C-alpha atoms as a PDB file:
ATOM      1  CA  MET A   1      90.261 -92.179 133.562  1.00  0.00           C
ATOM      2  CA  LYS A   2      87.619 -92.601 136.161  1.00  0.00           C
ATOM      3  CA  LYS A   3      85.315 -95.606 136.110  1.00  0.00           C
ATOM      4  CA  LYS A   4      81.834 -94.617 135.582  1.00  0.00           C
ATOM      5  CA  ARG A   5      79.168 -95.154 138.198  1.00  0.00           C
ATOM      6  CA  CYS A   6      76.828 -98.257 137.579  1.00  0.00           C
ATOM      7  CA  ARG A   7      73.234 -97.151 136.899  1.00  0.00           C
ATOM      8  CA  SER A   8      71.764-100.555 136.258  1.00  0.00           C
ATOM      9  CA  HIS A   9      72.584-104.306 135.762  1.00  0.00           C
ATOM     10  CA  PRO A  10      75.907-104.406 133.666  1.00  0.00           C
ATOM     11  CA  GLN A  11      75.177-108.081 133.167  1.00  0.00           C
ATOM     12  CA  SER A  12      71.567-109.460 133.176  1.00  0.00           C
ATOM     13  CA  GLY A  13      71.119-113.097 134.783  1.00  0.00           C
ATOM     14  CA  GLU A  14      70.590-114.310 131.235  1.00  0.00           C
ATOM     15  CA  ASN A  15      74.144-113.901 130.449  1.00  0.00           C
ATOM     16  CA  ALA A  16      75.353-115.279 133.991  1.00  0.00           C
ATOM     17  CA  ALA A  17      78.377-117.483 133.524  1.00  0.00           C
ATOM     18  CA  ALA A  18      77.934-121.317 134.345  1.00  0.00           C
ATOM     19  CA  GLY A  19      79.046-122.669 137.835  1.00  0.00           C
ATOM     20  CA  PRO A  20      78.650-121.337 141.230  1.00  0.00           C
ATOM     21  CA  THR A  21      78.092-117.656 141.464  1.00  0.00           C
ATOM     22  CA  TYR A  22      80.028-115.483 143.742  1.00  0.00           C
ATOM     23  CA  VAL A  23      79.625-111.764 142.732  1.00  0.00           C
ATOM     24  CA  TYR A  24      76.588-110.628 140.700  1.00  0.00           C
ATOM     25  CA  TRP A  25      75.063-107.237 139.821  1.00  0.00           C
ATOM     26  CA  GLY A  26      71.432-106.123 141.133  1.00  0.00           C
ATOM     27  CA  GLY A  27      70.819-102.667 140.032  1.00  0.00           C
ATOM     28  CA  PRO A  28      73.700-100.223 140.682  1.00  0.00           C
ATOM     29  CA  ASN A  29      75.082-102.582 143.448  1.00  0.00           C
ATOM     30  CA  LEU A  30      77.349-105.332 143.394  1.00  0.00           C
ATOM     31  CA  TYR A  31      76.513-108.506 145.765  1.00  0.00           C
ATOM     32  CA  LEU A  32      78.618-111.030 146.935  1.00  0.00           C
ATOM     33  CA  ASN A  33      77.373-114.798 147.608  1.00  0.00           C
ATOM     34  CA  LEU A  34      79.510-116.522 149.970  1.00  0.00           C
ATOM     35  CA  THR A  35      77.570-119.335 151.726  1.00  0.00           C
ATOM     36  CA  SER A  36      74.015-120.895 151.315  1.00  0.00           C
ATOM     37  CA  ARG A  37      74.196-122.176 154.990  1.00  0.00           C
ATOM     38  CA  CYS A  38      72.093-120.107 157.640  1.00  0.00           C
ATOM     39  CA  SER A  39      71.472-119.933 161.250  1.00  0.00           C
ATOM     40  CA  ALA A  40      67.694-119.560 160.828  1.00  0.00           C
ATOM     41  CA  SER A  41      64.875-121.033 158.546  1.00  0.00           C
ATOM     42  CA  CYS A  42      62.802-117.839 158.323  1.00  0.00           C
ATOM     43  CA  SER A  43      59.301-118.802 157.027  1.00  0.00           C
ATOM     44  CA  PHE A  44      59.189-115.966 154.232  1.00  0.00           C
ATOM     45  CA  CYS A  45      62.931-116.638 152.647  1.00  0.00           C
ATOM     46  CA  LEU A  46      63.115-116.911 149.137  1.00  0.00           C
ATOM     47  CA  ARG A  47      65.234-120.090 149.638  1.00  0.00           C
ATOM     48  CA  ASN A  48      61.888-121.989 150.659  1.00  0.00           C
ATOM     49  CA  TRP A  49      60.858-121.856 146.808  1.00  0.00           C
ATOM     50  CA  SER A  50      64.036-120.540 144.658  1.00  0.00           C
ATOM     51  CA  TRP A  51      67.496-119.989 144.768  1.00  0.00           C
ATOM     52  CA  GLU A  52      67.331-117.470 141.917  1.00  0.00           C
ATOM     53  CA  VAL A  53      68.250-114.047 142.636  1.00  0.00           C
ATOM     54  CA  TYR A  54      68.042-111.232 139.691  1.00  0.00           C
ATOM     55  CA  GLY A  55      68.329-114.429 137.306  1.00  0.00           C
ATOM     56  CA  TYR A  56      71.441-115.668 139.227  1.00  0.00           C
ATOM     57  CA  ASP A  57      71.341-119.304 140.648  1.00  0.00           C
ATOM     58  CA  LEU A  58      72.889-118.560 144.112  1.00  0.00           C
ATOM     59  CA  TYR A  59      73.046-122.231 145.635  1.00  0.00           C
ATOM     60  CA  LEU A  60      76.378-122.933 146.728  1.00  0.00           C
ATOM     61  CA  ASN A  61      76.921-126.810 148.691  1.00  0.00           C
ATOM     62  CA  GLU A  62      79.692-126.231 151.344  1.00  0.00           C
ATOM     63  CA  GLU A  63      82.548-127.491 148.966  1.00  0.00           C
ATOM     64  CA  GLU A  64      81.730-124.409 146.403  1.00  0.00           C
ATOM     65  CA  GLU A  65      82.070-121.727 148.994  1.00  0.00           C
ATOM     66  CA  PRO A  66      84.688-119.277 147.801  1.00  0.00           C
ATOM     67  CA  GLY A  67      87.924-118.523 149.377  1.00  0.00           C
ATOM     68  CA  VAL A  68      89.175-114.741 149.585  1.00  0.00           C
ATOM     69  CA  ASP A  69      91.246-115.130 146.488  1.00  0.00           C
ATOM     70  CA  GLN A  70      88.255-116.491 144.515  1.00  0.00           C
ATOM     71  CA  VAL A  71      86.033-113.774 145.361  1.00  0.00           C
ATOM     72  CA  VAL A  72      88.747-111.196 144.704  1.00  0.00           C
ATOM     73  CA  ALA A  73      89.128-112.679 140.988  1.00  0.00           C
ATOM     74  CA  ALA A  74      85.448-112.472 140.300  1.00  0.00           C
ATOM     75  CA  LEU A  75      85.675-109.000 141.791  1.00  0.00           C
ATOM     76  CA  GLU A  76      88.265-107.708 139.778  1.00  0.00           C
ATOM     77  CA  ALA A  77      86.493-109.149 136.527  1.00  0.00           C
ATOM     78  CA  GLU A  78      83.376-106.787 137.295  1.00  0.00           C
ATOM     79  CA  LEU A  79      85.211-103.650 138.768  1.00  0.00           C
ATOM     80  CA  GLY A  80      86.501-103.205 135.455  1.00  0.00           C
ATOM     81  CA  ARG A  81      83.443-102.410 133.980  1.00  0.00           C
ATOM     82  CA  CYS A  82      82.099 -99.662 136.509  1.00  0.00           C
ATOM     83  CA  THR A  83      81.874 -98.872 139.916  1.00  0.00           C
ATOM     84  CA  PRO A  84      79.047-100.183 142.233  1.00  0.00           C
ATOM     85  CA  VAL A  85      77.144 -97.758 144.577  1.00  0.00           C
ATOM     86  CA  GLU A  86      77.889-100.612 147.203  1.00  0.00           C
ATOM     87  CA  VAL A  87      79.333-103.778 147.481  1.00  0.00           C
ATOM     88  CA  VAL A  88      77.021-105.942 149.533  1.00  0.00           C
ATOM     89  CA  PHE A  89      77.530-109.015 151.347  1.00  0.00           C
ATOM     90  CA  THR A  90      74.451-111.046 150.880  1.00  0.00           C
ATOM     91  CA  GLY A  91      72.949-113.825 149.064  1.00  0.00           C
ATOM     92  CA  LEU A  92      70.567-116.369 150.613  1.00  0.00           C
ATOM     93  CA  GLY A  93      72.666-117.562 153.199  1.00  0.00           C
ATOM     94  CA  GLU A  94      74.273-115.912 156.335  1.00  0.00           C
ATOM     95  CA  PRO A  95      77.715-114.088 155.458  1.00  0.00           C
ATOM     96  CA  THR A  96      78.903-114.077 159.099  1.00  0.00           C
ATOM     97  CA  LEU A  97      79.122-117.553 159.146  1.00  0.00           C
ATOM     98  CA  ARG A  98      82.169-117.036 156.909  1.00  0.00           C
ATOM     99  CA  LEU A  99      83.445-114.298 159.038  1.00  0.00           C
ATOM    100  CA  ASP A 100      87.079-114.426 158.236  1.00  0.00           C
ATOM    101  CA  VAL A 101      86.356-114.109 154.550  1.00  0.00           C
ATOM    102  CA  VAL A 102      84.121-111.401 155.004  1.00  0.00           C
ATOM    103  CA  VAL A 103      86.622-109.311 157.174  1.00  0.00           C
ATOM    104  CA  ALA A 104      89.425-109.939 154.418  1.00  0.00           C
ATOM    105  CA  LEU A 105      86.987-108.874 151.621  1.00  0.00           C
ATOM    106  CA  ILE A 106      85.983-105.688 153.394  1.00  0.00           C
ATOM    107  CA  ALA A 107      89.319-104.823 153.936  1.00  0.00           C
ATOM    108  CA  TRP A 108      90.442-105.423 150.332  1.00  0.00           C
ATOM    109  CA  LEU A 109      87.343-103.242 149.088  1.00  0.00           C
ATOM    110  CA  SER A 110      87.772-100.617 151.572  1.00  0.00           C
ATOM    111  CA  GLU A 111      91.700-100.155 150.400  1.00  0.00           C
ATOM    112  CA  ARG A 112      90.182 -99.625 146.967  1.00  0.00           C
ATOM    113  CA  GLY A 113      87.637 -96.866 148.376  1.00  0.00           C
ATOM    114  CA  LEU A 114      84.722 -98.994 147.835  1.00  0.00           C
ATOM    115  CA  SER A 115      81.375 -98.713 150.226  1.00  0.00           C
ATOM    116  CA  THR A 116      80.671-102.011 151.695  1.00  0.00           C
ATOM    117  CA  ARG A 117      77.212-103.382 153.545  1.00  0.00           C
ATOM    118  CA  ILE A 118      76.453-106.509 155.173  1.00  0.00           C
ATOM    119  CA  ASP A 119      72.947-107.856 155.100  1.00  0.00           C
ATOM    120  CA  THR A 120      72.447-110.173 158.343  1.00  0.00           C
ATOM    121  CA  ASN A 121      70.751-111.982 160.408  1.00  0.00           C
ATOM    122  CA  GLY A 122      72.319-110.490 163.388  1.00  0.00           C
ATOM    123  CA  HIS A 123      73.353-113.763 164.774  1.00  0.00           C
ATOM    124  CA  ALA A 124      77.080-113.137 164.206  1.00  0.00           C
ATOM    125  CA  ALA A 125      78.273-113.216 168.117  1.00  0.00           C
ATOM    126  CA  LEU A 126      76.515-116.270 168.643  1.00  0.00           C
ATOM    127  CA  LEU A 127      77.925-117.684 165.553  1.00  0.00           C
ATOM    128  CA  ASN A 128      81.705-116.612 166.146  1.00  0.00           C
ATOM    129  CA  PRO A 129      81.933-116.936 169.880  1.00  0.00           C
ATOM    130  CA  GLY A 130      85.039-115.193 171.575  1.00  0.00           C
ATOM    131  CA  ARG A 131      85.395-112.835 169.043  1.00  0.00           C
ATOM    132  CA  ASP A 132      84.603-109.092 168.517  1.00  0.00           C
ATOM    133  CA  VAL A 133      82.757-109.174 165.623  1.00  0.00           C
ATOM    134  CA  VAL A 134      81.605-105.673 165.352  1.00  0.00           C
ATOM    135  CA  GLY A 135      85.255-104.473 166.265  1.00  0.00           C
ATOM    136  CA  GLU A 136      86.712-106.608 163.387  1.00  0.00           C
ATOM    137  CA  LEU A 137      84.256-105.329 160.901  1.00  0.00           C
ATOM    138  CA  VAL A 138      85.013-101.509 161.917  1.00  0.00           C
ATOM    139  CA  ARG A 139      88.624-102.263 161.734  1.00  0.00           C
ATOM    140  CA  ALA A 140      88.141-103.691 158.083  1.00  0.00           C
ATOM    141  CA  GLY A 141      86.260-100.433 156.825  1.00  0.00           C
ATOM    142  CA  LEU A 142      82.753-101.768 156.976  1.00  0.00           C
ATOM    143  CA  VAL A 143      80.268 -98.772 156.246  1.00  0.00           C
ATOM    144  CA  ALA A 144      76.874 -99.877 156.455  1.00  0.00           C
ATOM    145  CA  THR A 145      74.821-102.985 157.819  1.00  0.00           C
ATOM    146  CA  SER A 146      70.925-103.962 157.110  1.00  0.00           C
ATOM    147  CA  VAL A 147      69.966-106.110 160.061  1.00  0.00           C
ATOM    148  CA  SER A 148      66.876-108.443 159.924  1.00  0.00           C
ATOM    149  CA  LEU A 149      64.981-107.574 163.148  1.00  0.00           C
ATOM    150  CA  ASN A 150      61.689-108.578 161.893  1.00  0.00           C
ATOM    151  CA  ALA A 151      59.563-109.075 165.115  1.00  0.00           C
ATOM    152  CA  PRO A 152      58.794-107.204 168.630  1.00  0.00           C
ATOM    153  CA  ASP A 153      59.976-109.624 170.749  1.00  0.00           C
ATOM    154  CA  GLU A 154      61.237-113.048 171.165  1.00  0.00           C
ATOM    155  CA  ALA A 155      58.423-115.190 170.652  1.00  0.00           C
ATOM    156  CA  ALA A 156      57.295-113.619 167.581  1.00  0.00           C
ATOM    157  CA  TYR A 157      60.903-113.698 166.365  1.00  0.00           C
ATOM    158  CA  ASP A 158      61.629-117.657 167.022  1.00  0.00           C
ATOM    159  CA  HIS A 159      57.873-118.412 165.618  1.00  0.00           C
ATOM    160  CA  LEU A 160      59.090-116.175 162.152  1.00  0.00           C
ATOM    161  CA  CYS A 161      62.673-116.981 161.940  1.00  0.00           C
ATOM    162  CA  ARG A 162      63.240-120.334 163.602  1.00  0.00           C
ATOM    163  CA  PRO A 163      66.911-119.677 164.389  1.00  0.00           C
ATOM    164  CA  ALA A 164      68.937-122.739 165.213  1.00  0.00           C
ATOM    165  CA  VAL A 165      70.858-120.804 167.925  1.00  0.00           C
ATOM    166  CA  ALA A 166      69.744-120.226 171.213  1.00  0.00           C
ATOM    167  CA  GLY A 167      69.173-116.431 172.492  1.00  0.00           C
ATOM    168  CA  ALA A 168      69.120-115.266 168.809  1.00  0.00           C
ATOM    169  CA  TYR A 169      66.716-112.321 169.006  1.00  0.00           C
ATOM    170  CA  CYS A 170      68.870-110.990 172.082  1.00  0.00           C
ATOM    171  CA  ALA A 171      71.720-111.450 169.864  1.00  0.00           C
ATOM    172  CA  VAL A 172      70.024-109.370 166.894  1.00  0.00           C
ATOM    173  CA  LYS A 173      69.392-106.366 169.197  1.00  0.00           C
ATOM    174  CA  GLU A 174      72.779-106.327 170.621  1.00  0.00           C
ATOM    175  CA  PHE A 175      74.455-106.450 167.138  1.00  0.00           C
ATOM    176  CA  ILE A 176      72.307-103.669 166.153  1.00  0.00           C
ATOM    177  CA  ARG A 177      73.225-101.621 169.446  1.00  0.00           C
ATOM    178  CA  ASP A 178      77.024-102.350 169.237  1.00  0.00           C
ATOM    179  CA  ALA A 179      76.969-101.851 165.439  1.00  0.00           C
ATOM    180  CA  ALA A 180      75.527 -98.337 165.702  1.00  0.00           C
ATOM    181  CA  ALA A 181      77.623 -97.389 168.795  1.00  0.00           C
ATOM    182  CA  ALA A 182      80.627 -98.353 166.597  1.00  0.00           C
ATOM    183  CA  GLY A 183      79.793 -95.964 163.907  1.00  0.00           C
ATOM    184  CA  ILE A 184      78.294 -98.330 161.404  1.00  0.00           C
ATOM    185  CA  ARG A 185      75.477 -97.179 159.672  1.00  0.00           C
ATOM    186  CA  VAL A 186      72.664 -99.718 160.918  1.00  0.00           C
ATOM    187  CA  THR A 187      69.279-100.157 159.586  1.00  0.00           C
ATOM    188  CA  ALA A 188      67.012-102.470 161.179  1.00  0.00           C
ATOM    189  CA  THR A 189      64.407-103.926 159.095  1.00  0.00           C
ATOM    190  CA  ALA A 190      61.222-106.366 159.082  1.00  0.00           C
ATOM    191  CA  ILE A 191      59.257-108.326 156.369  1.00  0.00           C
ATOM    192  CA  LEU A 192      55.794-107.210 155.578  1.00  0.00           C
ATOM    193  CA  LEU A 193      53.629-110.318 156.674  1.00  0.00           C
ATOM    194  CA  PRO A 194      50.180-110.869 157.912  1.00  0.00           C
ATOM    195  CA  GLY A 195      50.760-111.019 161.346  1.00  0.00           C
ATOM    196  CA  ILE A 196      54.067-109.182 161.943  1.00  0.00           C
ATOM    197  CA  ASP A 197      53.373-106.341 164.157  1.00  0.00           C
ATOM    198  CA  VAL A 198      55.426-103.893 162.050  1.00  0.00           C
ATOM    199  CA  GLU A 199      54.560-100.936 164.656  1.00  0.00           C
ATOM    200  CA  ARG A 200      55.780-102.335 167.475  1.00  0.00           C
ATOM    201  CA  THR A 201      58.677-103.942 165.820  1.00  0.00           C
ATOM    202  CA  ALA A 202      59.712-100.065 164.682  1.00  0.00           C
ATOM    203  CA  LEU A 203      59.274 -98.954 168.473  1.00  0.00           C
ATOM    204  CA  VAL A 204      61.946-101.549 169.162  1.00  0.00           C
ATOM    205  CA  ALA A 205      64.363-100.133 166.555  1.00  0.00           C
ATOM    206  CA  ALA A 206      63.824 -96.758 167.806  1.00  0.00           C
ATOM    207  CA  GLU A 207      64.892 -97.900 171.435  1.00  0.00           C
ATOM    208  CA  LEU A 208      67.883 -99.255 169.640  1.00  0.00           C
ATOM    209  CA  GLY A 209      68.495 -95.878 168.260  1.00  0.00           C
ATOM    210  CA  VAL A 210      68.518 -96.886 164.602  1.00  0.00           C
ATOM    211  CA  PRO A 211      66.562 -96.185 161.282  1.00  0.00           C
ATOM    212  CA  PHE A 212      63.650 -98.664 160.347  1.00  0.00           C
ATOM    213  CA  ARG A 213      62.204-100.048 156.961  1.00  0.00           C
ATOM    214  CA  VAL A 214      59.651-102.162 156.248  1.00  0.00           C
ATOM    215  CA  ARG A 215      60.543-104.577 153.322  1.00  0.00           C
ATOM    216  CA  PRO A 216      57.826-105.744 151.109  1.00  0.00           C
ATOM    217  CA  PHE A 217      57.344-109.696 150.963  1.00  0.00           C
ATOM    218  CA  VAL A 218      58.895-110.797 147.574  1.00  0.00           C
ATOM    219  CA  ASP A 219      56.800-113.373 145.542  1.00  0.00           C
ATOM    220  CA  PHE A 220      59.124-116.495 144.957  1.00  0.00           C
ATOM    221  CA  ARG A 221      57.858-116.121 141.071  1.00  0.00           C
ATOM    222  CA  ALA A 222      59.377-112.926 140.766  1.00  0.00           C
ATOM    223  CA  SER A 223      62.496-113.117 138.587  1.00  0.00           C
ATOM    224  CA  THR A 224      64.350-109.987 139.888  1.00  0.00           C
ATOM    225  CA  ALA A 225      63.599-110.635 143.544  1.00  0.00           C
ATOM    226  CA  GLY A 226      65.166-108.166 145.416  1.00  0.00           C
ATOM    227  CA  GLU A 227      67.440-108.604 148.895  1.00  0.00           C
ATOM    228  CA  ASP A 228      68.424-106.325 151.336  1.00  0.00           C
ATOM    229  CA  THR A 229      67.379-108.174 154.664  1.00  0.00           C
END
């Protein structure tokens, strides 16, 4: 019998298992948390105040970062309940810092007919020098990506996102352009904050040829803080 589609949280954070959280539900989507490390220190990021999302503690120290087998085991336990609309690589770290794990899991999920998305800061090429990151993601079967563009120019981006890698803003735009050209469904996003020129940022997304979405700033005190970077 075909499993039903998920319409809401099959498990609330109140019932979350003790220990590191690798897989968790948010609405009809299943989210994967692979690392708490990031190549930016965005001024608006929830992690400045809390590691809790949908009632789950997402903090992972480096020793707790899961391997492919650990995530697959957690996925199998959850996928037996219902079928998510999407499986999303996100959390409160940058997924492409663990590119090998991401690619392997996308392939595993794609083989099972599940739609995958990466929420990313777009720094992947800088974090994985010498690799055809977009090509690897496409070959694994990635369907969509949501990329944090966040600013209309490099100076505004560096001020807001405080990247730890040089040339980050150019890398973000290149990732968006290359992913869209490769057939990945790309959405560029920006956070709605005072001082952010959303209209000019939308023009950058239009120049890159991708849809643009404004994300509301989420109060860190909200117990069901959303993701979708």
